[in-house]
Amino acid sequence: MSKDFFAYGTLMFADIMATVCGGSYQSQPALLRDYRRLVIRNEVYPGIRPQKGDIVRGTVYFKLKSDAWKRLDLFEGEMYRRDTIDIEYADGRTAKAQTYVVRPEFASRLGRNEWSAGEFLRLGKSRFQAQYKGFEMLKAKKGDG
């Protein structure tokens, strides 16, 4: 069964998403209400947690295949859990999607600062692509086949 995916951080960038999922998907901007996006301490990527009144802007990728979900789960790792959430499009329509939320036991890793896509693009994208452990997990999985 294919499901839609709400990306709010590094996976909003189509090239990173394609690398992680092994292919490209159609997408559209959307927002997630009552969550807050924060930088993970000492990292260049974010996490989200519930926060009444806050809004997270992101990208919805449509109809991901099961293999893409397996790759995303591996990439995101133990710090995140996949949850079904309600998203909203610019025209006011709402829909269900899945996203990755920081597990409560890892909440202390969330910093105080909001994560910025522009700042990530300017200062952290190349470092993230070179150093994030999730990419190593995908390479290891490829070798298992």
C-alpha atoms as a PDB file:
ATOM      1  CA  MET A   1       0.000   0.000   0.000  1.00  0.00           C
ATOM      2  CA  SER A   2       1.402   3.378  -0.946  1.00  0.00           C
ATOM      3  CA  LYS A   3       1.117   6.331   1.403  1.00  0.00           C
ATOM      4  CA  ASP A   4       1.925  10.017   1.258  1.00  0.00           C
ATOM      5  CA  PHE A   5       4.926  11.370   3.163  1.00  0.00           C
ATOM      6  CA  PHE A   6       5.249  14.803   4.795  1.00  0.00           C
ATOM      7  CA  ALA A   7       8.886  15.947   4.793  1.00  0.00           C
ATOM      8  CA  TYR A   8       9.778  18.928   6.976  1.00  0.00           C
ATOM      9  CA  GLY A   9      13.585  18.958   6.937  1.00  0.00           C
ATOM     10  CA  THR A  10      16.406  17.626   4.808  1.00  0.00           C
ATOM     11  CA  LEU A  11      14.032  15.429   2.795  1.00  0.00           C
ATOM     12  CA  MET A  12      12.223  18.507   1.460  1.00  0.00           C
ATOM     13  CA  PHE A  13      15.169  18.751  -0.933  1.00  0.00           C
ATOM     14  CA  ALA A  14      14.288  16.585  -3.943  1.00  0.00           C
ATOM     15  CA  ASP A  15      17.868  15.406  -4.532  1.00  0.00           C
ATOM     16  CA  ILE A  16      18.223  14.141  -0.955  1.00  0.00           C
ATOM     17  CA  MET A  17      14.770  12.544  -1.085  1.00  0.00           C
ATOM     18  CA  ALA A  18      15.601  10.749  -4.369  1.00  0.00           C
ATOM     19  CA  THR A  19      18.888   9.455  -2.942  1.00  0.00           C
ATOM     20  CA  VAL A  20      17.188   8.148   0.183  1.00  0.00           C
ATOM     21  CA  CYS A  21      14.144   6.620  -1.541  1.00  0.00           C
ATOM     22  CA  GLY A  22      15.879   5.350  -4.639  1.00  0.00           C
ATOM     23  CA  GLY A  23      13.677   7.381  -6.978  1.00  0.00           C
ATOM     24  CA  SER A  24      11.648  10.541  -7.462  1.00  0.00           C
ATOM     25  CA  TYR A  25       8.077  11.259  -6.400  1.00  0.00           C
ATOM     26  CA  GLN A  26       5.602  13.994  -7.226  1.00  0.00           C
ATOM     27  CA  SER A  27       5.329  16.543  -4.440  1.00  0.00           C
ATOM     28  CA  GLN A  28       3.477  19.618  -3.251  1.00  0.00           C
ATOM     29  CA  PRO A  29       3.969  22.130  -0.418  1.00  0.00           C
ATOM     30  CA  ALA A  30       1.861  21.576   2.698  1.00  0.00           C
ATOM     31  CA  LEU A  31       1.787  22.479   6.351  1.00  0.00           C
ATOM     32  CA  LEU A  32       1.432  20.637   9.611  1.00  0.00           C
ATOM     33  CA  ARG A  33      -0.396  22.400  12.438  1.00  0.00           C
ATOM     34  CA  ASP A  34       0.310  22.021  16.152  1.00  0.00           C
ATOM     35  CA  TYR A  35       3.892  20.814  15.737  1.00  0.00           C
ATOM     36  CA  ARG A  36       7.200  22.619  16.154  1.00  0.00           C
ATOM     37  CA  ARG A  37      10.364  22.048  14.085  1.00  0.00           C
ATOM     38  CA  LEU A  38      13.617  22.409  16.002  1.00  0.00           C
ATOM     39  CA  VAL A  39      17.281  21.806  15.203  1.00  0.00           C
ATOM     40  CA  ILE A  40      18.723  18.630  16.679  1.00  0.00           C
ATOM     41  CA  ARG A  41      21.560  19.647  19.044  1.00  0.00           C
ATOM     42  CA  ASN A  42      24.973  19.671  17.325  1.00  0.00           C
ATOM     43  CA  GLU A  43      23.441  18.665  13.972  1.00  0.00           C
ATOM     44  CA  VAL A  44      22.209  20.410  10.813  1.00  0.00           C
ATOM     45  CA  TYR A  45      18.898  18.533  10.568  1.00  0.00           C
ATOM     46  CA  PRO A  46      15.617  18.995  12.478  1.00  0.00           C
ATOM     47  CA  GLY A  47      13.085  17.045  14.431  1.00  0.00           C
ATOM     48  CA  ILE A  48       9.487  17.843  15.251  1.00  0.00           C
ATOM     49  CA  ARG A  49       7.402  17.518  18.365  1.00  0.00           C
ATOM     50  CA  PRO A  50       3.784  18.387  19.135  1.00  0.00           C
ATOM     51  CA  GLN A  51       3.354  22.070  20.064  1.00  0.00           C
ATOM     52  CA  LYS A  52      -0.125  23.587  20.145  1.00  0.00           C
ATOM     53  CA  GLY A  53      -0.425  26.664  17.919  1.00  0.00           C
ATOM     54  CA  ASP A  54       2.812  26.161  15.942  1.00  0.00           C
ATOM     55  CA  ILE A  55       3.000  25.422  12.215  1.00  0.00           C
ATOM     56  CA  VAL A  56       5.610  23.452  10.267  1.00  0.00           C
ATOM     57  CA  ARG A  57       5.872  24.097   6.535  1.00  0.00           C
ATOM     58  CA  GLY A  58       7.056  21.203   4.438  1.00  0.00           C
ATOM     59  CA  THR A  59       6.593  19.085   1.337  1.00  0.00           C
ATOM     60  CA  VAL A  60       4.273  16.150   0.730  1.00  0.00           C
ATOM     61  CA  TYR A  61       5.552  13.381  -1.520  1.00  0.00           C
ATOM     62  CA  PHE A  62       2.750  11.285  -2.996  1.00  0.00           C
ATOM     63  CA  LYS A  63       2.213   7.516  -3.059  1.00  0.00           C
ATOM     64  CA  LEU A  64       5.553   6.213  -1.819  1.00  0.00           C
ATOM     65  CA  LYS A  65       6.183   2.557  -2.578  1.00  0.00           C
ATOM     66  CA  SER A  66       6.914   0.052   0.182  1.00  0.00           C
ATOM     67  CA  ASP A  67      10.623  -0.072  -0.681  1.00  0.00           C
ATOM     68  CA  ALA A  68      10.859   3.716  -0.251  1.00  0.00           C
ATOM     69  CA  TRP A  69       9.271   3.401   3.215  1.00  0.00           C
ATOM     70  CA  LYS A  70      11.774   0.712   4.184  1.00  0.00           C
ATOM     71  CA  ARG A  71      14.612   2.974   3.078  1.00  0.00           C
ATOM     72  CA  LEU A  72      13.131   5.972   4.936  1.00  0.00           C
ATOM     73  CA  ASP A  73      12.715   3.966   8.156  1.00  0.00           C
ATOM     74  CA  LEU A  74      16.331   2.861   7.933  1.00  0.00           C
ATOM     75  CA  PHE A  75      17.531   6.376   7.092  1.00  0.00           C
ATOM     76  CA  GLU A  76      15.635   8.048   9.957  1.00  0.00           C
ATOM     77  CA  GLY A  77      16.870   5.564  12.550  1.00  0.00           C
ATOM     78  CA  GLU A  78      15.840   4.956  16.147  1.00  0.00           C
ATOM     79  CA  MET A  79      15.432   8.600  17.169  1.00  0.00           C
ATOM     80  CA  TYR A  80      12.278   9.001  15.074  1.00  0.00           C
ATOM     81  CA  ARG A  81       8.964   7.152  14.901  1.00  0.00           C
ATOM     82  CA  ARG A  82       6.673   7.221  11.903  1.00  0.00           C
ATOM     83  CA  ASP A  83       3.277   8.751  12.722  1.00  0.00           C
ATOM     84  CA  THR A  84       0.145   9.467  10.711  1.00  0.00           C
ATOM     85  CA  ILE A  85      -0.674  13.174  10.830  1.00  0.00           C
ATOM     86  CA  ASP A  86      -3.141  15.638   9.276  1.00  0.00           C
ATOM     87  CA  ILE A  87      -1.651  18.034   6.746  1.00  0.00           C
ATOM     88  CA  GLU A  88      -3.128  21.065   5.034  1.00  0.00           C
ATOM     89  CA  TYR A  89      -2.618  22.319   1.493  1.00  0.00           C
ATOM     90  CA  ALA A  90      -2.591  25.983   0.398  1.00  0.00           C
ATOM     91  CA  ASP A  91      -6.174  25.701  -0.885  1.00  0.00           C
ATOM     92  CA  GLY A  92      -7.386  24.590   2.559  1.00  0.00           C
ATOM     93  CA  ARG A  93      -7.818  20.902   1.747  1.00  0.00           C
ATOM     94  CA  THR A  94      -6.650  18.492   4.423  1.00  0.00           C
ATOM     95  CA  ALA A  95      -5.291  14.975   4.080  1.00  0.00           C
ATOM     96  CA  LYS A  96      -3.532  12.230   6.008  1.00  0.00           C
ATOM     97  CA  ALA A  97       0.174  11.647   5.554  1.00  0.00           C
ATOM     98  CA  GLN A  98       2.989  10.017   7.438  1.00  0.00           C
ATOM     99  CA  THR A  99       5.959  11.796   8.940  1.00  0.00           C
ATOM    100  CA  TYR A 100       8.774  11.159  11.382  1.00  0.00           C
ATOM    101  CA  VAL A 101       8.393  12.580  14.895  1.00  0.00           C
ATOM    102  CA  VAL A 102      11.154  12.600  17.522  1.00  0.00           C
ATOM    103  CA  ARG A 103      10.467   9.836  20.034  1.00  0.00           C
ATOM    104  CA  PRO A 104       9.841  11.132  23.577  1.00  0.00           C
ATOM    105  CA  GLU A 105      12.946   9.370  24.916  1.00  0.00           C
ATOM    106  CA  PHE A 106      15.055  11.487  22.527  1.00  0.00           C
ATOM    107  CA  ALA A 107      13.309  14.830  23.207  1.00  0.00           C
ATOM    108  CA  SER A 108      16.374  16.108  25.072  1.00  0.00           C
ATOM    109  CA  ARG A 109      18.253  16.099  21.745  1.00  0.00           C
ATOM    110  CA  LEU A 110      15.981  18.842  20.408  1.00  0.00           C
ATOM    111  CA  GLY A 111      17.570  22.272  20.589  1.00  0.00           C
ATOM    112  CA  ARG A 112      15.800  25.552  21.250  1.00  0.00           C
ATOM    113  CA  ASN A 113      16.217  27.065  17.793  1.00  0.00           C
ATOM    114  CA  GLU A 114      13.853  26.674  14.872  1.00  0.00           C
ATOM    115  CA  TRP A 115      15.373  24.844  11.911  1.00  0.00           C
ATOM    116  CA  SER A 116      15.750  26.908   8.733  1.00  0.00           C
ATOM    117  CA  ALA A 117      15.741  25.336   5.263  1.00  0.00           C
ATOM    118  CA  GLY A 118      17.597  28.369   3.890  1.00  0.00           C
ATOM    119  CA  GLU A 119      20.318  28.118   6.507  1.00  0.00           C
ATOM    120  CA  PHE A 120      20.609  24.374   5.900  1.00  0.00           C
ATOM    121  CA  LEU A 121      21.037  25.010   2.183  1.00  0.00           C
ATOM    122  CA  ARG A 122      23.706  27.673   2.770  1.00  0.00           C
ATOM    123  CA  LEU A 123      25.632  26.088   5.622  1.00  0.00           C
ATOM    124  CA  GLY A 124      24.813  22.454   6.207  1.00  0.00           C
ATOM    125  CA  LYS A 125      23.591  20.530   3.172  1.00  0.00           C
ATOM    126  CA  SER A 126      26.971  19.359   1.875  1.00  0.00           C
ATOM    127  CA  ARG A 127      28.101  18.417   5.401  1.00  0.00           C
ATOM    128  CA  PHE A 128      24.858  16.511   5.975  1.00  0.00           C
ATOM    129  CA  GLN A 129      25.196  14.588   2.700  1.00  0.00           C
ATOM    130  CA  ALA A 130      28.808  13.695   3.546  1.00  0.00           C
ATOM    131  CA  GLN A 131      28.364  12.776   7.207  1.00  0.00           C
ATOM    132  CA  TYR A 132      24.824  11.710   8.141  1.00  0.00           C
ATOM    133  CA  LYS A 133      24.785   8.109   9.402  1.00  0.00           C
ATOM    134  CA  GLY A 134      21.508   7.371   7.627  1.00  0.00           C
ATOM    135  CA  PHE A 135      23.292   7.392   4.271  1.00  0.00           C
ATOM    136  CA  GLU A 136      25.749   4.803   5.620  1.00  0.00           C
ATOM    137  CA  MET A 137      22.820   2.615   6.700  1.00  0.00           C
ATOM    138  CA  LEU A 138      21.404   2.717   3.172  1.00  0.00           C
ATOM    139  CA  LYS A 139      24.771   1.734   1.671  1.00  0.00           C
ATOM    140  CA  ALA A 140      25.099  -1.146   4.138  1.00  0.00           C
ATOM    141  CA  LYS A 141      21.590  -2.350   3.261  1.00  0.00           C
ATOM    142  CA  LYS A 142      22.450  -2.274  -0.451  1.00  0.00           C
ATOM    143  CA  GLY A 143      25.407  -4.565   0.262  1.00  0.00           C
ATOM    144  CA  ASP A 144      23.144  -7.076   2.049  1.00  0.00           C
ATOM    145  CA  GLY A 145      21.108  -7.871  -1.096  1.00  0.00           C
END
